[in-house]
Amino acid sequence: MGELETEEQKSRAEIATYLRNLADQLDSGDDVSLDLGGKQVMLNPVDPVTFKLEGESDWAEGDTEAKQSIEFELVWWRDAQTAEEGTLDVQE
């Protein structure tokens, strides 16, 4: 499985709690568990990890609102001899 993505509205406090939990998992050095659309995905980031951070704003003339976003991305490379070794560990 190549990519799983989920999108849902949460409060700022809920997002902060989620990010703290993710940070604790990363800091432990163990597997990282993500809940993506009702599916549990297990990942094991290995050093070095590339951290991408993006802030964006989108507004057009005549709009009454401006869309703003923050995007985080962590990227790392794992040894894999087969496609199966490179797939996500998804548990439903």
N, C-alpha and C. Protein backbone atom coordinates (compact mmCIF):
# COMPACT_ATOMS: atom_id res chain seq x y z
N MET A 1 0.86 -1.17 0.00
CA MET A 1 0.00 0.00 0.00
C MET A 1 0.89 1.22 0.00
N GLY A 2 0.66 2.14 -0.91
CA GLY A 2 1.54 3.28 -1.06
C GLY A 2 1.24 4.45 -0.16
N GLU A 3 -0.01 4.88 -0.08
CA GLU A 3 -0.31 6.10 0.68
C GLU A 3 -1.70 6.03 1.27
N LEU A 4 -1.82 6.45 2.51
CA LEU A 4 -3.10 6.63 3.17
C LEU A 4 -3.15 8.05 3.68
N GLU A 5 -4.28 8.69 3.54
CA GLU A 5 -4.42 10.08 3.97
C GLU A 5 -5.79 10.25 4.60
N THR A 6 -5.87 11.08 5.60
CA THR A 6 -7.15 11.38 6.22
C THR A 6 -7.23 12.87 6.49
N GLU A 7 -8.44 13.38 6.55
CA GLU A 7 -8.65 14.80 6.83
C GLU A 7 -9.89 14.93 7.68
N GLU A 8 -9.78 15.63 8.80
CA GLU A 8 -10.94 15.87 9.65
C GLU A 8 -10.71 17.14 10.46
N GLN A 9 -11.80 17.76 10.86
CA GLN A 9 -11.69 18.97 11.66
C GLN A 9 -11.53 18.60 13.12
N LYS A 10 -10.60 19.28 13.79
CA LYS A 10 -10.35 19.09 15.22
C LYS A 10 -10.08 20.46 15.82
N SER A 11 -10.19 20.54 17.13
CA SER A 11 -9.85 21.79 17.81
C SER A 11 -8.33 21.93 17.87
N ARG A 12 -7.88 23.14 18.11
CA ARG A 12 -6.43 23.36 18.26
C ARG A 12 -5.88 22.50 19.39
N ALA A 13 -6.61 22.39 20.50
CA ALA A 13 -6.16 21.59 21.64
C ALA A 13 -6.04 20.10 21.26
N GLU A 14 -7.01 19.59 20.51
CA GLU A 14 -6.95 18.19 20.07
C GLU A 14 -5.74 17.94 19.17
N ILE A 15 -5.46 18.89 18.28
CA ILE A 15 -4.31 18.75 17.38
C ILE A 15 -3.01 18.79 18.18
N ALA A 16 -2.93 19.70 19.15
CA ALA A 16 -1.73 19.79 19.99
C ALA A 16 -1.49 18.49 20.74
N THR A 17 -2.55 17.90 21.28
CA THR A 17 -2.44 16.62 21.98
C THR A 17 -1.95 15.53 21.04
N TYR A 18 -2.50 15.49 19.83
CA TYR A 18 -2.08 14.50 18.83
C TYR A 18 -0.60 14.65 18.48
N LEU A 19 -0.17 15.90 18.26
CA LEU A 19 1.23 16.15 17.90
C LEU A 19 2.17 15.83 19.06
N ARG A 20 1.75 16.09 20.31
CA ARG A 20 2.58 15.72 21.46
C ARG A 20 2.73 14.20 21.54
N ASN A 21 1.66 13.48 21.31
CA ASN A 21 1.70 12.02 21.32
C ASN A 21 2.64 11.51 20.22
N LEU A 22 2.52 12.09 19.04
CA LEU A 22 3.41 11.70 17.94
C LEU A 22 4.86 11.99 18.28
N ALA A 23 5.12 13.16 18.89
CA ALA A 23 6.48 13.52 19.29
C ALA A 23 7.03 12.53 20.31
N ASP A 24 6.20 12.12 21.27
CA ASP A 24 6.63 11.13 22.26
C ASP A 24 6.98 9.80 21.59
N GLN A 25 6.16 9.40 20.62
CA GLN A 25 6.44 8.15 19.90
C GLN A 25 7.75 8.25 19.13
N LEU A 26 7.98 9.36 18.47
CA LEU A 26 9.23 9.56 17.73
C LEU A 26 10.42 9.54 18.68
N ASP A 27 10.29 10.19 19.81
CA ASP A 27 11.37 10.29 20.78
C ASP A 27 11.72 8.93 21.38
N SER A 28 10.74 8.03 21.47
CA SER A 28 10.98 6.71 22.08
C SER A 28 11.88 5.83 21.22
N GLY A 29 11.92 6.09 19.91
CA GLY A 29 12.71 5.25 19.01
C GLY A 29 11.98 3.99 18.56
N ASP A 30 10.77 3.76 19.09
CA ASP A 30 9.98 2.59 18.71
C ASP A 30 9.11 2.92 17.49
N ASP A 31 8.25 1.98 17.13
CA ASP A 31 7.33 2.20 16.03
C ASP A 31 6.42 3.39 16.34
N VAL A 32 5.93 4.02 15.28
CA VAL A 32 4.99 5.13 15.38
C VAL A 32 3.66 4.60 14.86
N SER A 33 2.59 4.81 15.63
CA SER A 33 1.26 4.35 15.26
C SER A 33 0.42 5.56 14.87
N LEU A 34 -0.15 5.50 13.66
CA LEU A 34 -1.01 6.58 13.17
C LEU A 34 -2.40 6.03 12.92
N ASP A 35 -3.43 6.80 13.30
CA ASP A 35 -4.81 6.45 12.98
C ASP A 35 -5.19 7.25 11.74
N LEU A 36 -5.32 6.55 10.62
CA LEU A 36 -5.63 7.20 9.35
C LEU A 36 -6.96 6.68 8.83
N GLY A 37 -8.01 7.44 9.05
CA GLY A 37 -9.33 7.06 8.55
C GLY A 37 -9.82 5.74 9.08
N GLY A 38 -9.61 5.49 10.38
CA GLY A 38 -10.09 4.25 10.99
C GLY A 38 -9.14 3.08 10.81
N LYS A 39 -8.01 3.29 10.18
CA LYS A 39 -7.02 2.24 10.01
C LYS A 39 -5.77 2.61 10.80
N GLN A 40 -5.19 1.64 11.48
CA GLN A 40 -3.95 1.86 12.20
C GLN A 40 -2.77 1.57 11.28
N VAL A 41 -1.86 2.51 11.17
CA VAL A 41 -0.68 2.34 10.34
C VAL A 41 0.53 2.40 11.25
N MET A 42 1.38 1.38 11.17
CA MET A 42 2.60 1.32 11.97
C MET A 42 3.78 1.67 11.07
N LEU A 43 4.58 2.62 11.52
CA LEU A 43 5.77 3.05 10.80
C LEU A 43 6.95 3.03 11.76
N ASN A 44 8.15 2.82 11.22
CA ASN A 44 9.34 2.85 12.05
C ASN A 44 10.37 3.77 11.41
N PRO A 45 10.27 5.07 11.73
CA PRO A 45 11.24 6.01 11.16
C PRO A 45 12.66 5.68 11.60
N VAL A 46 13.57 5.76 10.65
CA VAL A 46 14.98 5.53 10.94
C VAL A 46 15.76 6.79 10.59
N ASP A 47 16.79 7.06 11.39
CA ASP A 47 17.63 8.23 11.13
C ASP A 47 18.47 8.01 9.88
N PRO A 48 18.73 9.04 9.12
CA PRO A 48 18.27 10.42 9.32
C PRO A 48 16.85 10.60 8.77
N VAL A 49 16.09 11.46 9.42
CA VAL A 49 14.74 11.81 8.99
C VAL A 49 14.77 13.24 8.46
N THR A 50 14.22 13.46 7.28
CA THR A 50 14.10 14.80 6.73
C THR A 50 12.78 15.39 7.22
N PHE A 51 12.85 16.58 7.79
CA PHE A 51 11.67 17.27 8.32
C PHE A 51 11.35 18.44 7.42
N LYS A 52 10.18 18.40 6.79
CA LYS A 52 9.74 19.47 5.90
C LYS A 52 8.61 20.22 6.60
N LEU A 53 8.71 21.53 6.64
CA LEU A 53 7.71 22.38 7.27
C LEU A 53 7.33 23.47 6.28
N GLU A 54 6.03 23.66 6.08
CA GLU A 54 5.56 24.64 5.10
C GLU A 54 4.41 25.45 5.69
N GLY A 55 4.49 26.75 5.54
CA GLY A 55 3.39 27.64 5.89
C GLY A 55 2.89 28.28 4.61
N GLU A 56 1.57 28.35 4.45
CA GLU A 56 1.02 28.82 3.18
C GLU A 56 -0.23 29.66 3.42
N SER A 57 -0.43 30.65 2.56
CA SER A 57 -1.63 31.48 2.59
C SER A 57 -2.13 31.65 1.16
N ASP A 58 -3.45 31.56 0.99
CA ASP A 58 -4.04 31.69 -0.34
C ASP A 58 -5.24 32.62 -0.26
N TRP A 59 -5.16 33.75 -0.97
CA TRP A 59 -6.25 34.71 -1.00
C TRP A 59 -6.33 35.30 -2.40
N ALA A 60 -7.53 35.47 -2.89
CA ALA A 60 -7.72 36.06 -4.23
C ALA A 60 -8.58 37.32 -4.09
N GLU A 61 -8.36 38.25 -4.99
CA GLU A 61 -9.12 39.50 -5.02
C GLU A 61 -10.62 39.20 -5.01
N GLY A 62 -11.33 39.85 -4.11
CA GLY A 62 -12.77 39.66 -4.02
C GLY A 62 -13.18 38.61 -2.99
N ASP A 63 -12.23 37.80 -2.53
CA ASP A 63 -12.55 36.80 -1.50
C ASP A 63 -12.79 37.48 -0.16
N THR A 64 -13.62 36.87 0.66
CA THR A 64 -13.84 37.40 2.01
C THR A 64 -13.11 36.56 3.06
N GLU A 65 -12.44 35.50 2.61
CA GLU A 65 -11.66 34.65 3.50
C GLU A 65 -10.34 34.30 2.83
N ALA A 66 -9.33 34.06 3.64
CA ALA A 66 -8.04 33.60 3.13
C ALA A 66 -7.76 32.23 3.73
N LYS A 67 -7.40 31.29 2.90
CA LYS A 67 -7.04 29.96 3.37
C LYS A 67 -5.57 29.98 3.81
N GLN A 68 -5.31 29.52 5.03
CA GLN A 68 -3.95 29.40 5.53
C GLN A 68 -3.71 27.97 5.98
N SER A 69 -2.47 27.52 5.87
CA SER A 69 -2.19 26.13 6.27
C SER A 69 -0.76 25.99 6.76
N ILE A 70 -0.57 24.96 7.56
CA ILE A 70 0.74 24.50 8.00
C ILE A 70 0.81 23.04 7.60
N GLU A 71 1.89 22.66 6.94
CA GLU A 71 2.07 21.26 6.55
C GLU A 71 3.38 20.75 7.13
N PHE A 72 3.33 19.55 7.70
CA PHE A 72 4.50 18.86 8.23
C PHE A 72 4.70 17.59 7.41
N GLU A 73 5.93 17.27 7.13
CA GLU A 73 6.22 16.01 6.44
C GLU A 73 7.54 15.46 6.98
N LEU A 74 7.55 14.18 7.31
CA LEU A 74 8.76 13.48 7.73
C LEU A 74 9.07 12.44 6.67
N VAL A 75 10.31 12.39 6.22
CA VAL A 75 10.70 11.46 5.16
C VAL A 75 11.97 10.73 5.58
N TRP A 76 11.99 9.42 5.38
CA TRP A 76 13.18 8.62 5.65
C TRP A 76 13.21 7.46 4.66
N TRP A 77 14.36 6.85 4.55
CA TRP A 77 14.55 5.73 3.63
C TRP A 77 14.81 4.46 4.43
N ARG A 78 14.16 3.36 4.01
CA ARG A 78 14.34 2.07 4.65
C ARG A 78 14.88 1.08 3.63
N ASP A 79 15.64 0.11 4.12
CA ASP A 79 16.10 -0.96 3.25
C ASP A 79 14.90 -1.81 2.85
N ALA A 80 14.78 -2.15 1.58
CA ALA A 80 13.69 -3.00 1.09
C ALA A 80 14.16 -3.70 -0.17
N GLN A 81 14.08 -5.01 -0.17
CA GLN A 81 14.48 -5.80 -1.33
C GLN A 81 13.28 -6.14 -2.22
N THR A 82 12.06 -6.06 -1.63
CA THR A 82 10.84 -6.37 -2.37
C THR A 82 9.81 -5.27 -2.14
N ALA A 83 8.82 -5.21 -3.00
CA ALA A 83 7.74 -4.23 -2.84
C ALA A 83 7.02 -4.43 -1.51
N GLU A 84 6.86 -5.68 -1.10
CA GLU A 84 6.17 -5.97 0.16
C GLU A 84 6.91 -5.39 1.36
N GLU A 85 8.23 -5.43 1.33
CA GLU A 85 9.02 -4.87 2.43
C GLU A 85 8.87 -3.35 2.50
N GLY A 86 8.51 -2.72 1.40
CA GLY A 86 8.38 -1.27 1.37
C GLY A 86 6.97 -0.76 1.60
N THR A 87 6.00 -1.65 1.81
CA THR A 87 4.61 -1.22 1.98
C THR A 87 4.32 -0.84 3.42
N LEU A 88 3.25 -0.09 3.60
CA LEU A 88 2.80 0.31 4.94
C LEU A 88 2.22 -0.88 5.67
N ASP A 89 2.43 -0.91 6.99
CA ASP A 89 1.86 -1.95 7.86
C ASP A 89 0.50 -1.43 8.33
N VAL A 90 -0.57 -1.84 7.65
CA VAL A 90 -1.92 -1.34 7.95
C VAL A 90 -2.72 -2.40 8.67
N GLN A 91 -3.34 -1.98 9.79
CA GLN A 91 -4.19 -2.88 10.57
C GLN A 91 -5.56 -2.24 10.67
N GLU A 92 -6.58 -3.00 10.35
CA GLU A 92 -7.94 -2.44 10.40
C GLU A 92 -8.62 -2.76 11.69
